[in-house]
Amino acid sequence: MHTALFGKEMAETEKGLIARCNRIVKGIKKDYPLLGGARIEIVLKPQKKGSMIAKRKGKRRYLIEVDYRKYVKANYTELLGALVHELAHFEEYSKMGVLGYWIFLLMSRLSRSYSRRIERGADMQTIRKGYGRALLANRKMRREDMGEVSYRKAITIYMSNEEIRKELADRKR
């Protein structure tokens, strides 16, 4: 459920969301040594599928497009979970040359199993970095927002809440 904001109120809220995202990224970037010195820009842009998208814009330049409507009311932990997942993608992108990145883009559009491996890999990296609870908080929020049918479709690509919980429990042992 989204609240409609207009004019100045919306502009101030948008600035606030970008500022919150930038503060979180600045705080967690230390956990991603391959991104040291990289420039990460956050922009607000409605997404047709999903709620955030990570893009490589050049050598050591990355962009996160955040769907304002889906994150304006997110708390710190929910937002953290999404941003850490996107930084996991950037870490993978940083290992690819230009040709490798273009092959990655093509394969992720053509192959559902490839997309599944990439997204679940980013989820696992997020958990390994110690942000599993934030990822779970984000997924719970998104599940409520997207509804059960869309959630069921999403977990064919991403880890489900149950899989994240299991992974967190296994790591405690």
C-alpha atoms as a PDB file:
ATOM      1  CA  MET A   1       0.000   0.000   0.000  1.00  0.00           C
ATOM      2  CA  HIS A   2       1.497   3.331  -1.053  1.00  0.00           C
ATOM      3  CA  THR A   3       0.797   6.835   0.142  1.00  0.00           C
ATOM      4  CA  ALA A   4       0.383   9.443  -2.572  1.00  0.00           C
ATOM      5  CA  LEU A   5       2.690  12.421  -2.094  1.00  0.00           C
ATOM      6  CA  PHE A   6       2.670  15.521  -4.240  1.00  0.00           C
ATOM      7  CA  GLY A   7       4.791  18.601  -4.899  1.00  0.00           C
ATOM      8  CA  LYS A   8       7.229  19.782  -2.257  1.00  0.00           C
ATOM      9  CA  GLU A   9       6.337  17.015   0.199  1.00  0.00           C
ATOM     10  CA  MET A  10       7.250  14.388  -2.397  1.00  0.00           C
ATOM     11  CA  ALA A  11      10.488  16.144  -3.346  1.00  0.00           C
ATOM     12  CA  GLU A  12      11.589  16.301   0.298  1.00  0.00           C
ATOM     13  CA  THR A  13      10.706  12.637   0.832  1.00  0.00           C
ATOM     14  CA  GLU A  14      12.597  11.632  -2.330  1.00  0.00           C
ATOM     15  CA  LYS A  15      15.686  13.524  -1.155  1.00  0.00           C
ATOM     16  CA  GLY A  16      15.360  11.804   2.202  1.00  0.00           C
ATOM     17  CA  LEU A  17      15.221   8.344   0.622  1.00  0.00           C
ATOM     18  CA  ILE A  18      18.285   9.028  -1.524  1.00  0.00           C
ATOM     19  CA  ALA A  19      20.135  10.383   1.518  1.00  0.00           C
ATOM     20  CA  ARG A  20      19.214   7.286   3.575  1.00  0.00           C
ATOM     21  CA  CYS A  21      20.392   4.998   0.767  1.00  0.00           C
ATOM     22  CA  ASN A  22      23.682   6.902   0.428  1.00  0.00           C
ATOM     23  CA  ARG A  23      24.334   6.723   4.191  1.00  0.00           C
ATOM     24  CA  ILE A  24      23.698   2.971   4.208  1.00  0.00           C
ATOM     25  CA  VAL A  25      25.918   2.333   1.186  1.00  0.00           C
ATOM     26  CA  LYS A  26      28.707   4.424   2.698  1.00  0.00           C
ATOM     27  CA  GLY A  27      28.456   2.412   5.927  1.00  0.00           C
ATOM     28  CA  ILE A  28      28.498  -1.034   4.321  1.00  0.00           C
ATOM     29  CA  LYS A  29      30.948  -0.410   1.483  1.00  0.00           C
ATOM     30  CA  LYS A  30      33.791  -1.394   3.833  1.00  0.00           C
ATOM     31  CA  ASP A  31      32.480  -4.969   3.718  1.00  0.00           C
ATOM     32  CA  TYR A  32      33.020  -5.016  -0.055  1.00  0.00           C
ATOM     33  CA  PRO A  33      36.777  -4.584  -0.584  1.00  0.00           C
ATOM     34  CA  LEU A  34      36.480  -5.133  -4.342  1.00  0.00           C
ATOM     35  CA  LEU A  35      34.408  -1.935  -4.459  1.00  0.00           C
ATOM     36  CA  GLY A  36      37.004   0.241  -2.725  1.00  0.00           C
ATOM     37  CA  GLY A  37      37.174   3.560  -4.556  1.00  0.00           C
ATOM     38  CA  ALA A  38      34.182   2.721  -6.769  1.00  0.00           C
ATOM     39  CA  ARG A  39      31.550   5.391  -7.391  1.00  0.00           C
ATOM     40  CA  ILE A  40      28.018   4.269  -6.547  1.00  0.00           C
ATOM     41  CA  GLU A  41      25.138   6.511  -7.542  1.00  0.00           C
ATOM     42  CA  ILE A  42      21.577   6.104  -6.266  1.00  0.00           C
ATOM     43  CA  VAL A  43      18.634   7.294  -8.357  1.00  0.00           C
ATOM     44  CA  LEU A  44      14.893   6.932  -7.948  1.00  0.00           C
ATOM     45  CA  LYS A  45      13.172   5.243 -10.866  1.00  0.00           C
ATOM     46  CA  PRO A  46       9.986   3.172 -11.047  1.00  0.00           C
ATOM     47  CA  GLN A  47      10.739  -0.480 -11.799  1.00  0.00           C
ATOM     48  CA  LYS A  48       8.513  -2.679 -13.953  1.00  0.00           C
ATOM     49  CA  LYS A  49       9.851  -5.797 -12.284  1.00  0.00           C
ATOM     50  CA  GLY A  50      11.351  -5.845  -8.826  1.00  0.00           C
ATOM     51  CA  SER A  51      12.132  -2.894  -6.630  1.00  0.00           C
ATOM     52  CA  MET A  52      15.837  -2.137  -7.162  1.00  0.00           C
ATOM     53  CA  ILE A  53      18.237  -2.794  -9.969  1.00  0.00           C
ATOM     54  CA  ALA A  54      22.025  -2.747  -9.984  1.00  0.00           C
ATOM     55  CA  LYS A  55      23.794  -1.523 -13.106  1.00  0.00           C
ATOM     56  CA  ARG A  56      27.411  -1.206 -14.106  1.00  0.00           C
ATOM     57  CA  LYS A  57      27.982   2.179 -15.749  1.00  0.00           C
ATOM     58  CA  GLY A  58      31.686   1.910 -16.474  1.00  0.00           C
ATOM     59  CA  LYS A  59      34.908   0.878 -14.833  1.00  0.00           C
ATOM     60  CA  ARG A  60      34.358   1.299 -11.077  1.00  0.00           C
ATOM     61  CA  ARG A  61      31.083   3.190 -11.665  1.00  0.00           C
ATOM     62  CA  TYR A  62      27.792   1.685 -10.584  1.00  0.00           C
ATOM     63  CA  LEU A  63      24.170   2.737 -10.392  1.00  0.00           C
ATOM     64  CA  ILE A  64      21.351   1.546  -8.128  1.00  0.00           C
ATOM     65  CA  GLU A  65      17.876   2.397  -9.367  1.00  0.00           C
ATOM     66  CA  VAL A  66      15.452   2.405  -6.436  1.00  0.00           C
ATOM     67  CA  ASP A  67      11.696   2.286  -6.936  1.00  0.00           C
ATOM     68  CA  TYR A  68      10.601   5.152  -4.697  1.00  0.00           C
ATOM     69  CA  ARG A  69       7.082   3.776  -4.297  1.00  0.00           C
ATOM     70  CA  LYS A  70       8.353   0.543  -2.811  1.00  0.00           C
ATOM     71  CA  TYR A  71      10.892   1.995  -0.360  1.00  0.00           C
ATOM     72  CA  VAL A  72       9.600   5.373   0.805  1.00  0.00           C
ATOM     73  CA  LYS A  73       8.291   3.835   4.044  1.00  0.00           C
ATOM     74  CA  ALA A  74      10.971   1.169   4.465  1.00  0.00           C
ATOM     75  CA  ASN A  75      12.824   1.143   7.760  1.00  0.00           C
ATOM     76  CA  TYR A  76      16.620   1.062   7.997  1.00  0.00           C
ATOM     77  CA  THR A  77      16.896  -2.736   8.141  1.00  0.00           C
ATOM     78  CA  GLU A  78      14.537  -3.318   5.201  1.00  0.00           C
ATOM     79  CA  LEU A  79      16.458  -0.827   3.072  1.00  0.00           C
ATOM     80  CA  LEU A  80      19.806  -2.256   4.225  1.00  0.00           C
ATOM     81  CA  GLY A  81      18.795  -5.757   3.102  1.00  0.00           C
ATOM     82  CA  ALA A  82      18.016  -4.578  -0.419  1.00  0.00           C
ATOM     83  CA  LEU A  83      21.135  -2.414  -0.781  1.00  0.00           C
ATOM     84  CA  VAL A  84      23.500  -5.119   0.464  1.00  0.00           C
ATOM     85  CA  HIS A  85      22.034  -7.519  -2.106  1.00  0.00           C
ATOM     86  CA  GLU A  86      22.722  -4.945  -4.845  1.00  0.00           C
ATOM     87  CA  LEU A  87      26.306  -4.403  -3.644  1.00  0.00           C
ATOM     88  CA  ALA A  88      26.820  -8.178  -3.891  1.00  0.00           C
ATOM     89  CA  HIS A  89      25.978  -7.815  -7.593  1.00  0.00           C
ATOM     90  CA  PHE A  90      28.497  -4.975  -7.931  1.00  0.00           C
ATOM     91  CA  GLU A  91      31.184  -7.132  -6.386  1.00  0.00           C
ATOM     92  CA  GLU A  92      30.517  -9.745  -9.078  1.00  0.00           C
ATOM     93  CA  TYR A  93      30.453  -7.095 -11.816  1.00  0.00           C
ATOM     94  CA  SER A  94      33.843  -5.799 -10.646  1.00  0.00           C
ATOM     95  CA  LYS A  95      35.348  -9.205 -11.507  1.00  0.00           C
ATOM     96  CA  MET A  96      34.056  -9.034 -15.099  1.00  0.00           C
ATOM     97  CA  GLY A  97      35.614  -7.327 -18.057  1.00  0.00           C
ATOM     98  CA  VAL A  98      33.431  -5.419 -20.498  1.00  0.00           C
ATOM     99  CA  LEU A  99      32.794  -8.487 -22.669  1.00  0.00           C
ATOM    100  CA  GLY A 100      32.025 -10.605 -19.609  1.00  0.00           C
ATOM    101  CA  TYR A 101      29.504  -8.047 -18.397  1.00  0.00           C
ATOM    102  CA  TRP A 102      27.733  -7.955 -21.788  1.00  0.00           C
ATOM    103  CA  ILE A 103      27.572 -11.761 -21.820  1.00  0.00           C
ATOM    104  CA  PHE A 104      26.183 -11.627 -18.281  1.00  0.00           C
ATOM    105  CA  LEU A 105      23.449  -9.156 -19.371  1.00  0.00           C
ATOM    106  CA  LEU A 106      22.512 -11.299 -22.340  1.00  0.00           C
ATOM    107  CA  MET A 107      22.449 -14.551 -20.363  1.00  0.00           C
ATOM    108  CA  SER A 108      20.409 -13.045 -17.539  1.00  0.00           C
ATOM    109  CA  ARG A 109      17.720 -12.050 -20.047  1.00  0.00           C
ATOM    110  CA  LEU A 110      17.727 -15.324 -21.966  1.00  0.00           C
ATOM    111  CA  SER A 111      18.071 -17.902 -19.220  1.00  0.00           C
ATOM    112  CA  ARG A 112      15.853 -18.143 -16.146  1.00  0.00           C
ATOM    113  CA  SER A 113      18.225 -20.697 -14.599  1.00  0.00           C
ATOM    114  CA  TYR A 114      21.161 -18.287 -15.088  1.00  0.00           C
ATOM    115  CA  SER A 115      19.170 -15.461 -13.465  1.00  0.00           C
ATOM    116  CA  ARG A 116      18.296 -17.791 -10.594  1.00  0.00           C
ATOM    117  CA  ARG A 117      21.968 -18.684 -10.053  1.00  0.00           C
ATOM    118  CA  ILE A 118      22.996 -14.993 -10.121  1.00  0.00           C
ATOM    119  CA  GLU A 119      20.248 -13.765  -7.750  1.00  0.00           C
ATOM    120  CA  ARG A 120      20.600 -16.642  -5.306  1.00  0.00           C
ATOM    121  CA  GLY A 121      24.366 -16.108  -5.385  1.00  0.00           C
ATOM    122  CA  ALA A 122      23.839 -12.456  -4.400  1.00  0.00           C
ATOM    123  CA  ASP A 123      21.506 -13.607  -1.609  1.00  0.00           C
ATOM    124  CA  MET A 124      24.125 -16.067  -0.311  1.00  0.00           C
ATOM    125  CA  GLN A 125      26.853 -13.418  -0.497  1.00  0.00           C
ATOM    126  CA  THR A 126      24.603 -11.091   1.513  1.00  0.00           C
ATOM    127  CA  ILE A 127      24.177 -13.770   4.177  1.00  0.00           C
ATOM    128  CA  ARG A 128      27.923 -14.603   4.211  1.00  0.00           C
ATOM    129  CA  LYS A 129      28.735 -10.920   4.767  1.00  0.00           C
ATOM    130  CA  GLY A 130      26.561 -10.997   7.905  1.00  0.00           C
ATOM    131  CA  TYR A 131      23.482  -9.222   6.547  1.00  0.00           C
ATOM    132  CA  GLY A 132      21.109 -12.190   6.395  1.00  0.00           C
ATOM    133  CA  ARG A 133      18.675 -10.750   8.931  1.00  0.00           C
ATOM    134  CA  ALA A 134      18.468  -7.503   6.944  1.00  0.00           C
ATOM    135  CA  LEU A 135      17.870  -9.493   3.749  1.00  0.00           C
ATOM    136  CA  LEU A 136      15.083 -11.395   5.510  1.00  0.00           C
ATOM    137  CA  ALA A 137      13.511  -8.145   6.780  1.00  0.00           C
ATOM    138  CA  ASN A 138      13.575  -6.780   3.237  1.00  0.00           C
ATOM    139  CA  ARG A 139      12.010  -9.910   1.799  1.00  0.00           C
ATOM    140  CA  LYS A 140       9.254  -9.906   4.438  1.00  0.00           C
ATOM    141  CA  MET A 141       8.446  -6.285   3.583  1.00  0.00           C
ATOM    142  CA  ARG A 142       8.473  -6.992  -0.151  1.00  0.00           C
ATOM    143  CA  ARG A 143       6.282 -10.092   0.316  1.00  0.00           C
ATOM    144  CA  GLU A 144       3.639  -7.991   2.059  1.00  0.00           C
ATOM    145  CA  ASP A 145       3.906  -5.328  -0.639  1.00  0.00           C
ATOM    146  CA  MET A 146       3.851  -7.613  -3.685  1.00  0.00           C
ATOM    147  CA  GLY A 147       1.251 -10.131  -2.575  1.00  0.00           C
ATOM    148  CA  GLU A 148       1.385 -13.908  -2.481  1.00  0.00           C
ATOM    149  CA  VAL A 149       1.156 -14.630  -6.228  1.00  0.00           C
ATOM    150  CA  SER A 150       4.053 -12.326  -7.126  1.00  0.00           C
ATOM    151  CA  TYR A 151       6.047 -13.596  -4.137  1.00  0.00           C
ATOM    152  CA  ARG A 152       5.662 -17.197  -5.336  1.00  0.00           C
ATOM    153  CA  LYS A 153       6.978 -16.141  -8.743  1.00  0.00           C
ATOM    154  CA  ALA A 154       9.888 -14.201  -7.189  1.00  0.00           C
ATOM    155  CA  ILE A 155      11.123 -17.166  -5.136  1.00  0.00           C
ATOM    156  CA  THR A 156      11.648 -19.154  -8.307  1.00  0.00           C
ATOM    157  CA  ILE A 157      14.618 -16.774  -8.803  1.00  0.00           C
ATOM    158  CA  TYR A 158      15.544 -15.470  -5.310  1.00  0.00           C
ATOM    159  CA  MET A 159      15.901 -17.334  -2.026  1.00  0.00           C
ATOM    160  CA  SER A 160      12.615 -17.666  -0.155  1.00  0.00           C
ATOM    161  CA  ASN A 161      12.177 -16.379   3.398  1.00  0.00           C
ATOM    162  CA  GLU A 162      12.261 -19.999   4.588  1.00  0.00           C
ATOM    163  CA  GLU A 163      15.547 -20.666   2.771  1.00  0.00           C
ATOM    164  CA  ILE A 164      17.093 -17.517   4.251  1.00  0.00           C
ATOM    165  CA  ARG A 165      15.958 -18.545   7.755  1.00  0.00           C
ATOM    166  CA  LYS A 166      17.416 -22.039   7.257  1.00  0.00           C
ATOM    167  CA  GLU A 167      20.726 -20.630   6.059  1.00  0.00           C
ATOM    168  CA  LEU A 168      20.880 -18.288   9.072  1.00  0.00           C
ATOM    169  CA  ALA A 169      20.122 -21.187  11.452  1.00  0.00           C
ATOM    170  CA  ASP A 170      22.780 -23.374   9.780  1.00  0.00           C
ATOM    171  CA  ARG A 171      25.355 -20.605  10.241  1.00  0.00           C
ATOM    172  CA  LYS A 172      24.660 -20.421  13.978  1.00  0.00           C
ATOM    173  CA  ARG A 173      25.757 -24.048  14.449  1.00  0.00           C
END
